[in-house]
């Protein structure tokens, strides 16, 4: 009877540990827009998210940052009052992983009822609105928190309108990435449950079991992103009006979930790319900046990319993927395998990378895993 109680107690502990490990893996980010300059919204990145905007239907309009009352009170609004479609804030993960939209604060700064809805929905490849969205009709300038319930999405749009007595505003967008538990971690817990039910006779068995689980968790590490190919669709440096989101969404559309535009570091470290797969016009890639010669926000400052190219950051990103003119330059992987800054008005493919499979635990792990089970077996026999 006492042994049965101890086993039940350990099962409860194991369940609690699983819950805590899974919950602790959730990574939450809040987009506040504070600190951004007031005026047209310039695409930016924050804690792994890329934030830009799209104009519907033709992509020529901008969103704006507005201050509504002092420091740390910036909000994002539609910057095109004459356009009934408004503009959409576009959010995606730089690493291409799915995420959840937990909540956001919304308001109608015009302080009145409106027939124009504020939409929050999943964005499709090439930056087009998807069929899954939630509509809100805020009627007050007092911000309220809403929970759209979008889970496991790869790109999200927040469509704001300033038209006909409506001025939508959004703030404090809370996003969360919850990684999948590693296969080794799940296997470890499965073995734990089996061992506990069949063999456990003492709470001393907890120690080797938890050691095994810890080793299994440590082994669940994803390999770096690897080159998977170039898109068949070509883009100018502004993503054909859809910026970085349009480019990386095309990677997902052609190569599946998790794919996104490669960085220069990933190209350098990838062991899967074939020069024969690189189109003659080259592929757009994202630089990995190493500050050089001052702060990147300082006029005239230079940035050293991992590829070895040194330039103003704007001249490595086609003006942060918003400039599709010949006056701008962006980082390109050429068909000879070299890196270059080339004109942003030429349509080019996008170099796409994707994480490889989770590796198997290395042979070195067999020592601590084996030791854990030997300790458990000895404990069982000593208490049997």
Protein backbone atom coordinates (compact mmCIF):
# COMPACT_ATOMS: atom_id res chain seq x y z
CA UNK A 1 0.00 0.00 0.00
CA UNK A 2 2.78 2.42 0.96
CA UNK A 3 4.67 1.62 -2.27
CA UNK A 4 1.51 2.28 -4.30
CA UNK A 5 1.07 5.66 -2.61
CA UNK A 6 4.70 6.57 -3.34
CA UNK A 7 4.30 5.62 -7.00
CA UNK A 8 1.17 7.76 -7.27
CA UNK A 9 3.00 10.63 -5.60
CA UNK A 10 5.85 10.41 -8.09
CA UNK A 11 3.42 10.30 -11.03
CA UNK A 12 1.96 13.57 -9.80
CA UNK A 13 5.44 15.07 -9.53
CA UNK A 14 6.32 13.89 -13.06
CA UNK A 15 3.15 15.46 -14.49
CA UNK A 16 3.93 18.72 -12.72
CA UNK A 17 7.49 18.70 -14.07
CA UNK A 18 6.20 18.15 -17.62
CA UNK A 19 3.83 21.10 -17.24
CA UNK A 20 6.51 23.38 -15.85
CA UNK A 21 9.00 22.48 -18.58
CA UNK A 22 6.44 23.09 -21.32
CA UNK A 23 5.21 26.35 -19.81
CA UNK A 24 8.73 27.65 -19.31
CA UNK A 25 9.45 27.10 -23.01
CA UNK A 26 6.82 29.68 -24.01
CA UNK A 27 8.41 32.94 -25.13
CA UNK A 28 6.19 36.02 -24.84
CA UNK A 29 6.84 39.36 -26.58
CA UNK A 30 4.88 42.62 -26.40
CA UNK A 31 5.07 45.10 -29.28
CA UNK A 32 4.54 48.53 -27.67
CA UNK A 33 5.85 50.81 -30.49
CA UNK A 34 7.35 53.03 -27.78
CA UNK A 35 10.69 54.46 -28.77
CA UNK A 36 9.83 54.48 -32.48
CA UNK A 37 9.83 57.89 -34.20
CA UNK A 38 6.43 59.51 -34.72
CA UNK A 39 5.44 59.49 -38.38
CA UNK A 40 5.40 56.82 -41.11
CA UNK A 41 6.16 53.41 -39.69
CA UNK A 42 9.60 52.12 -40.70
CA UNK A 43 9.77 48.30 -40.74
CA UNK A 44 11.59 47.00 -37.67
CA UNK A 45 12.43 43.82 -35.81
CA UNK A 46 11.90 43.03 -32.13
CA UNK A 47 12.76 39.85 -30.21
CA UNK A 48 12.63 37.66 -33.28
CA UNK A 49 9.61 39.28 -34.98
CA UNK A 50 9.67 41.29 -38.22
CA UNK A 51 7.09 44.11 -38.27
CA UNK A 52 6.15 45.96 -41.45
CA UNK A 53 2.98 47.07 -43.21
CA UNK A 54 0.93 46.33 -46.32
CA UNK A 55 -1.52 48.56 -48.16
CA UNK A 56 -4.62 46.95 -49.59
CA UNK A 57 -5.28 46.53 -52.40
CA UNK A 58 -2.11 47.84 -54.06
CA UNK A 59 0.51 48.13 -51.33
CA UNK A 60 1.30 51.84 -51.76
CA UNK A 61 0.11 53.16 -48.41
CA UNK A 62 1.87 53.45 -45.06
CA UNK A 63 0.97 53.03 -41.43
CA UNK A 64 2.04 55.66 -38.92
CA UNK A 65 3.22 55.90 -35.34
CA UNK A 66 1.21 58.37 -33.28
CA UNK A 67 1.79 59.59 -29.75
CA UNK A 68 -1.42 59.82 -27.70
CA UNK A 69 -0.26 61.47 -24.52
CA UNK A 70 3.40 61.46 -23.57
CA UNK A 71 6.33 59.13 -23.12
CA UNK A 72 5.67 55.43 -23.67
CA UNK A 73 2.31 56.17 -25.26
CA UNK A 74 3.00 55.49 -28.91
CA UNK A 75 0.35 53.62 -30.90
CA UNK A 76 0.11 52.52 -34.51
CA UNK A 77 -2.60 53.97 -36.79
CA UNK A 78 -3.54 53.98 -40.46
CA UNK A 79 -1.53 56.67 -42.23
CA UNK A 80 -3.85 57.04 -45.25
CA UNK A 81 -7.08 58.82 -44.24
CA UNK A 82 -8.34 59.00 -47.83
CA UNK A 83 -8.23 55.26 -48.43
CA UNK A 84 -11.22 53.15 -47.42
CA UNK A 85 -9.16 49.94 -47.29
CA UNK A 86 -6.69 51.27 -44.75
CA UNK A 87 -3.34 49.62 -44.18
CA UNK A 88 -2.36 46.45 -42.38
CA UNK A 89 0.34 45.99 -39.79
CA UNK A 90 2.12 42.78 -40.77
CA UNK A 91 3.93 40.57 -38.24
CA UNK A 92 5.95 37.44 -38.87
CA UNK A 93 8.70 35.47 -37.17
CA UNK A 94 12.19 35.99 -38.55
CA UNK A 95 12.96 32.30 -37.94
CA UNK A 96 9.82 31.22 -39.78
CA UNK A 97 8.29 29.48 -36.76
CA UNK A 98 4.56 29.70 -35.95
CA UNK A 99 3.32 31.83 -33.08
CA UNK A 100 0.14 32.77 -31.18
CA UNK A 101 -1.50 36.17 -30.95
CA UNK A 102 -2.41 36.39 -27.29
CA UNK A 103 -3.96 39.88 -27.12
CA UNK A 104 -3.77 43.48 -28.28
CA UNK A 105 -5.19 46.84 -27.21
CA UNK A 106 -7.47 48.63 -29.70
CA UNK A 107 -9.39 51.91 -29.84
CA UNK A 108 -11.22 54.30 -32.17
CA UNK A 109 -9.49 57.64 -31.66
CA UNK A 110 -12.42 59.39 -33.37
CA UNK A 111 -14.53 58.43 -30.33
CA UNK A 112 -17.62 57.23 -32.13
CA UNK A 113 -19.41 54.25 -33.56
CA UNK A 114 -18.36 53.12 -37.03
CA UNK A 115 -19.27 50.59 -39.67
CA UNK A 116 -15.59 50.05 -40.47
CA UNK A 117 -14.17 46.99 -38.77
CA UNK A 118 -10.67 46.53 -37.38
CA UNK A 119 -9.51 43.11 -38.52
CA UNK A 120 -6.93 40.78 -37.01
CA UNK A 121 -6.23 37.75 -39.12
CA UNK A 122 -3.82 35.25 -40.60
CA UNK A 123 -1.85 36.45 -43.58
CA UNK A 124 -1.26 34.27 -46.61
CA UNK A 125 1.90 34.01 -48.76
CA UNK A 126 2.73 37.22 -50.67
CA UNK A 127 1.06 39.29 -47.97
CA UNK A 128 -2.57 38.77 -48.93
CA UNK A 129 -5.29 38.59 -46.24
CA UNK A 130 -6.40 35.09 -45.41
CA UNK A 131 -9.92 33.80 -44.73
CA UNK A 132 -9.27 33.47 -40.98
CA UNK A 133 -9.77 36.76 -39.15
CA UNK A 134 -11.63 38.41 -36.28
CA UNK A 135 -13.49 41.72 -36.65
CA UNK A 136 -13.79 44.40 -33.96
CA UNK A 137 -15.75 47.67 -33.94
CA UNK A 138 -14.12 49.87 -31.28
CA UNK A 139 -16.24 52.94 -30.52
CA UNK A 140 -14.14 54.77 -27.93
CA UNK A 141 -10.72 56.38 -27.69
CA UNK A 142 -10.22 54.38 -24.48
CA UNK A 143 -8.14 51.35 -25.31
CA UNK A 144 -9.58 47.93 -24.55
CA UNK A 145 -7.81 44.58 -24.62
CA UNK A 146 -9.09 41.93 -27.04
CA UNK A 147 -8.05 38.30 -27.49
CA UNK A 148 -8.27 37.22 -31.15
CA UNK A 149 -7.37 33.59 -30.38
CA UNK A 150 -5.08 33.11 -33.38
CA UNK A 151 -2.81 30.14 -32.69
CA UNK A 152 -0.04 28.53 -34.68
CA UNK A 153 0.02 31.20 -37.40
CA UNK A 154 3.02 32.11 -39.54
CA UNK A 155 2.05 35.67 -40.43
CA UNK A 156 -0.55 38.03 -38.97
CA UNK A 157 -2.11 41.26 -40.22
CA UNK A 158 -3.88 43.96 -38.20
CA UNK A 159 -5.95 46.00 -40.64
CA UNK A 160 -6.44 49.58 -39.42
CA UNK A 161 -8.66 52.20 -41.07
CA UNK A 162 -8.80 55.99 -40.86
CA UNK A 163 -11.90 56.81 -42.89
CA UNK A 164 -15.47 58.04 -42.47
CA UNK A 165 -15.34 58.96 -38.78
CA UNK A 166 -13.05 56.08 -37.86
CA UNK A 167 -9.45 56.19 -36.72
CA UNK A 168 -8.41 52.76 -35.57
CA UNK A 169 -5.39 52.43 -33.31
CA UNK A 170 -3.55 49.42 -31.91
CA UNK A 171 -1.00 48.98 -29.15
CA UNK A 172 0.58 46.36 -26.85
CA UNK A 173 0.41 43.40 -29.25
CA UNK A 174 1.27 40.31 -27.19
CA UNK A 175 2.76 37.40 -29.15
CA UNK A 176 3.99 34.03 -27.99
CA UNK A 177 6.04 31.20 -29.46
CA UNK A 178 5.64 27.79 -27.85
CA UNK A 179 8.28 25.37 -29.17
CA UNK A 180 7.33 21.75 -29.63
CA UNK A 181 8.73 19.47 -26.93
CA UNK A 182 11.80 17.61 -28.21
CA UNK A 183 11.28 14.02 -29.25
CA UNK A 184 13.96 12.93 -26.82
CA UNK A 185 12.20 14.71 -24.00
CA UNK A 186 8.94 12.92 -24.75
CA UNK A 187 10.76 9.61 -25.01
CA UNK A 188 12.42 10.22 -21.68
CA UNK A 189 9.09 10.82 -19.97
CA UNK A 190 7.58 7.78 -21.68
CA UNK A 191 10.36 5.58 -20.34
CA UNK A 192 9.98 7.20 -16.94
CA UNK A 193 6.31 6.31 -16.80
CA UNK A 194 6.99 2.74 -17.90
CA UNK A 195 9.82 2.28 -15.41
CA UNK A 196 7.85 3.78 -12.55
CA UNK A 197 4.78 1.63 -13.09
CA UNK A 198 6.67 -1.63 -13.44
CA UNK A 199 9.76 -1.28 -11.29
CA UNK A 200 9.61 1.52 -8.75
CA UNK A 201 9.67 0.54 -5.13
CA UNK A 202 11.10 3.69 -3.60
CA UNK A 203 11.09 7.47 -4.03
CA UNK A 204 14.88 7.18 -4.41
CA UNK A 205 14.12 6.19 -7.99
CA UNK A 206 13.15 9.85 -8.63
CA UNK A 207 16.80 10.96 -8.84
CA UNK A 208 17.94 8.83 -11.80
CA UNK A 209 14.66 9.40 -13.59
CA UNK A 210 14.97 13.19 -13.41
CA UNK A 211 18.62 12.89 -14.49
CA UNK A 212 17.52 10.98 -17.56
CA UNK A 213 14.83 13.55 -18.36
CA UNK A 214 17.33 16.39 -18.06
CA UNK A 215 19.77 14.66 -20.42
CA UNK A 216 16.97 13.98 -22.90
CA UNK A 217 15.88 17.61 -22.81
CA UNK A 218 19.42 18.81 -23.42
CA UNK A 219 19.72 16.54 -26.45
CA UNK A 220 16.63 18.03 -28.14
CA UNK A 221 18.48 20.76 -30.01
CA UNK A 222 17.55 21.73 -33.56
CA UNK A 223 20.20 21.93 -36.24
CA UNK A 224 20.93 25.33 -37.84
CA UNK A 225 18.93 26.55 -40.81
CA UNK A 226 20.10 25.05 -44.09
CA UNK A 227 19.66 26.14 -47.71
CA UNK A 228 16.69 24.38 -49.34
CA UNK A 229 16.49 26.29 -52.62
CA UNK A 230 15.55 29.50 -54.43
CA UNK A 231 11.99 30.64 -55.04
CA UNK A 232 10.57 30.37 -58.53
CA UNK A 233 8.78 33.68 -57.95
CA UNK A 234 11.06 36.70 -58.26
CA UNK A 235 10.94 39.94 -56.30
CA UNK A 236 12.35 43.42 -56.53
CA UNK A 237 13.98 44.76 -53.37
CA UNK A 238 10.66 45.85 -51.88
CA UNK A 239 9.23 42.34 -52.11
CA UNK A 240 6.95 43.47 -54.95
CA UNK A 241 5.27 45.81 -52.47
CA UNK A 242 5.09 43.28 -49.66
CA UNK A 243 8.57 43.69 -48.19
CA UNK A 244 10.36 41.04 -46.20
CA UNK A 245 7.09 39.37 -45.22
CA UNK A 246 6.18 38.75 -48.85
CA UNK A 247 9.60 37.27 -49.57
CA UNK A 248 9.78 34.96 -46.58
CA UNK A 249 6.12 33.96 -47.04
CA UNK A 250 6.98 32.83 -50.55
CA UNK A 251 9.70 30.62 -49.08
CA UNK A 252 7.08 28.99 -46.86
CA UNK A 253 4.70 28.65 -49.79
CA UNK A 254 7.27 26.82 -51.91
CA UNK A 255 9.30 24.92 -49.30
CA UNK A 256 6.83 24.39 -46.46
CA UNK A 257 6.40 25.61 -42.85
CA UNK A 258 9.55 26.86 -41.18
CA UNK A 259 11.20 28.05 -44.40
CA UNK A 260 12.27 31.70 -44.65
CA UNK A 261 14.76 34.00 -46.35
CA UNK A 262 18.32 32.87 -45.60
CA UNK A 263 20.82 35.03 -43.75
CA UNK A 264 24.39 35.44 -44.90
CA UNK A 265 25.58 33.37 -41.91
CA UNK A 266 23.27 30.50 -42.84
CA UNK A 267 24.55 30.55 -46.41
CA UNK A 268 28.14 30.46 -45.19
CA UNK A 269 27.47 27.59 -42.78
CA UNK A 270 25.04 25.59 -44.90
CA UNK A 271 26.27 22.28 -46.33
CA UNK A 272 23.25 21.65 -48.54
CA UNK A 273 23.32 24.35 -51.21
CA UNK A 274 24.28 23.62 -54.78
CA UNK A 275 25.59 26.41 -57.00
CA UNK A 276 23.61 24.94 -59.88
CA UNK A 277 20.42 25.83 -57.99
CA UNK A 278 21.25 29.55 -57.83
CA UNK A 279 19.56 31.55 -60.63
CA UNK A 280 21.75 33.64 -62.91
CA UNK A 281 20.38 36.89 -61.43
CA UNK A 282 21.21 35.72 -57.91
CA UNK A 283 19.08 35.44 -54.76
CA UNK A 284 18.16 37.99 -52.12
CA UNK A 285 19.54 37.17 -48.66
CA UNK A 286 19.42 38.93 -45.30
CA UNK A 287 22.59 40.43 -43.82
CA UNK A 288 23.80 39.71 -40.29
CA UNK A 289 25.15 43.03 -39.03
CA UNK A 290 28.26 43.52 -36.96
CA UNK A 291 28.41 47.24 -36.00
CA UNK A 292 31.37 48.99 -37.53
CA UNK A 293 32.28 52.65 -37.20
CA UNK A 294 29.52 53.75 -34.86
CA UNK A 295 25.91 53.18 -33.93
CA UNK A 296 23.77 51.83 -36.76
CA UNK A 297 21.22 54.59 -36.17
CA UNK A 298 23.84 57.28 -36.74
CA UNK A 299 23.83 58.91 -40.17
CA UNK A 300 26.73 57.64 -42.23
CA UNK A 301 27.48 54.72 -39.93
CA UNK A 302 28.66 51.52 -41.54
CA UNK A 303 27.79 47.92 -40.81
CA UNK A 304 29.99 44.92 -41.50
CA UNK A 305 28.03 41.93 -42.72
CA UNK A 306 29.10 38.35 -42.02
CA UNK A 307 29.82 38.01 -45.74
CA UNK A 308 32.59 40.61 -45.40
CA UNK A 309 30.76 43.43 -47.17
CA UNK A 310 30.87 46.84 -45.48
CA UNK A 311 28.15 49.40 -46.19
CA UNK A 312 25.37 51.51 -44.76
CA UNK A 313 22.70 49.08 -43.46
CA UNK A 314 20.18 50.56 -45.91
CA UNK A 315 22.49 49.59 -48.76
CA UNK A 316 22.47 45.95 -47.72
CA UNK A 317 18.70 45.66 -47.32
CA UNK A 318 17.14 47.69 -50.17
CA UNK A 319 16.17 50.36 -47.62
CA UNK A 320 14.99 47.68 -45.16
CA UNK A 321 13.21 45.83 -47.98
CA UNK A 322 11.03 48.81 -48.90
CA UNK A 323 13.02 50.16 -51.87
CA UNK A 324 12.49 48.60 -55.28
CA UNK A 325 14.35 51.26 -57.29
CA UNK A 326 17.73 51.24 -58.98
CA UNK A 327 18.96 53.81 -56.48
CA UNK A 328 19.01 51.19 -53.73
CA UNK A 329 21.19 48.14 -53.16
CA UNK A 330 20.60 44.84 -51.40
CA UNK A 331 22.63 41.79 -50.39
CA UNK A 332 22.60 39.08 -53.08
CA UNK A 333 24.07 35.59 -53.35
CA UNK A 334 25.37 35.32 -56.92
CA UNK A 335 25.33 32.24 -59.11
CA UNK A 336 29.11 32.00 -58.65
CA UNK A 337 28.63 31.60 -54.91
CA UNK A 338 29.91 35.10 -54.11
CA UNK A 339 28.18 37.90 -52.20
CA UNK A 340 27.45 41.29 -53.73
CA UNK A 341 25.43 44.48 -53.27
CA UNK A 342 23.21 44.70 -56.34
CA UNK A 343 20.46 46.97 -57.64
CA UNK A 344 17.04 46.60 -56.01
CA UNK A 345 15.03 47.18 -59.20
CA UNK A 346 16.00 43.79 -60.71
CA UNK A 347 13.58 40.93 -59.92
CA UNK A 348 15.46 38.12 -58.19
CA UNK A 349 14.62 34.86 -56.45
CA UNK A 350 14.78 34.57 -52.67
CA UNK A 351 17.30 32.24 -51.04
CA UNK A 352 15.28 30.03 -48.69
CA UNK A 353 16.55 28.19 -45.61
CA UNK A 354 14.79 25.75 -43.32
CA UNK A 355 15.74 24.02 -40.06
CA UNK A 356 16.89 20.46 -40.43
CA UNK A 357 15.55 17.57 -38.37
CA UNK A 358 16.25 17.32 -34.65
CA UNK A 359 19.43 15.28 -34.24
CA UNK A 360 19.61 11.98 -32.44
CA UNK A 361 21.27 12.06 -29.01
CA UNK A 362 25.02 11.76 -29.43
CA UNK A 363 27.00 8.73 -28.31
CA UNK A 364 28.40 10.79 -25.45
CA UNK A 365 24.92 10.90 -23.92
CA UNK A 366 24.89 7.14 -23.49
CA UNK A 367 27.16 7.44 -20.45
CA UNK A 368 24.90 9.63 -18.26
CA UNK A 369 21.75 7.90 -19.52
CA UNK A 370 23.19 4.46 -18.78
CA UNK A 371 24.39 5.62 -15.38
CA UNK A 372 20.91 6.93 -14.56
CA UNK A 373 19.29 3.58 -15.24
CA UNK A 374 21.99 1.61 -13.41
CA UNK A 375 21.44 3.81 -10.35
CA UNK A 376 17.72 3.22 -10.66
CA UNK A 377 18.17 -0.53 -10.98
CA UNK A 378 20.48 -0.66 -7.98
CA UNK A 379 18.01 1.40 -5.99
CA UNK A 380 15.19 -0.91 -6.95
CA UNK A 381 17.11 -4.05 -5.94
CA UNK A 382 18.32 -2.48 -2.72
CA UNK A 383 14.77 -1.70 -1.70
CA UNK A 384 13.11 -4.78 -3.09
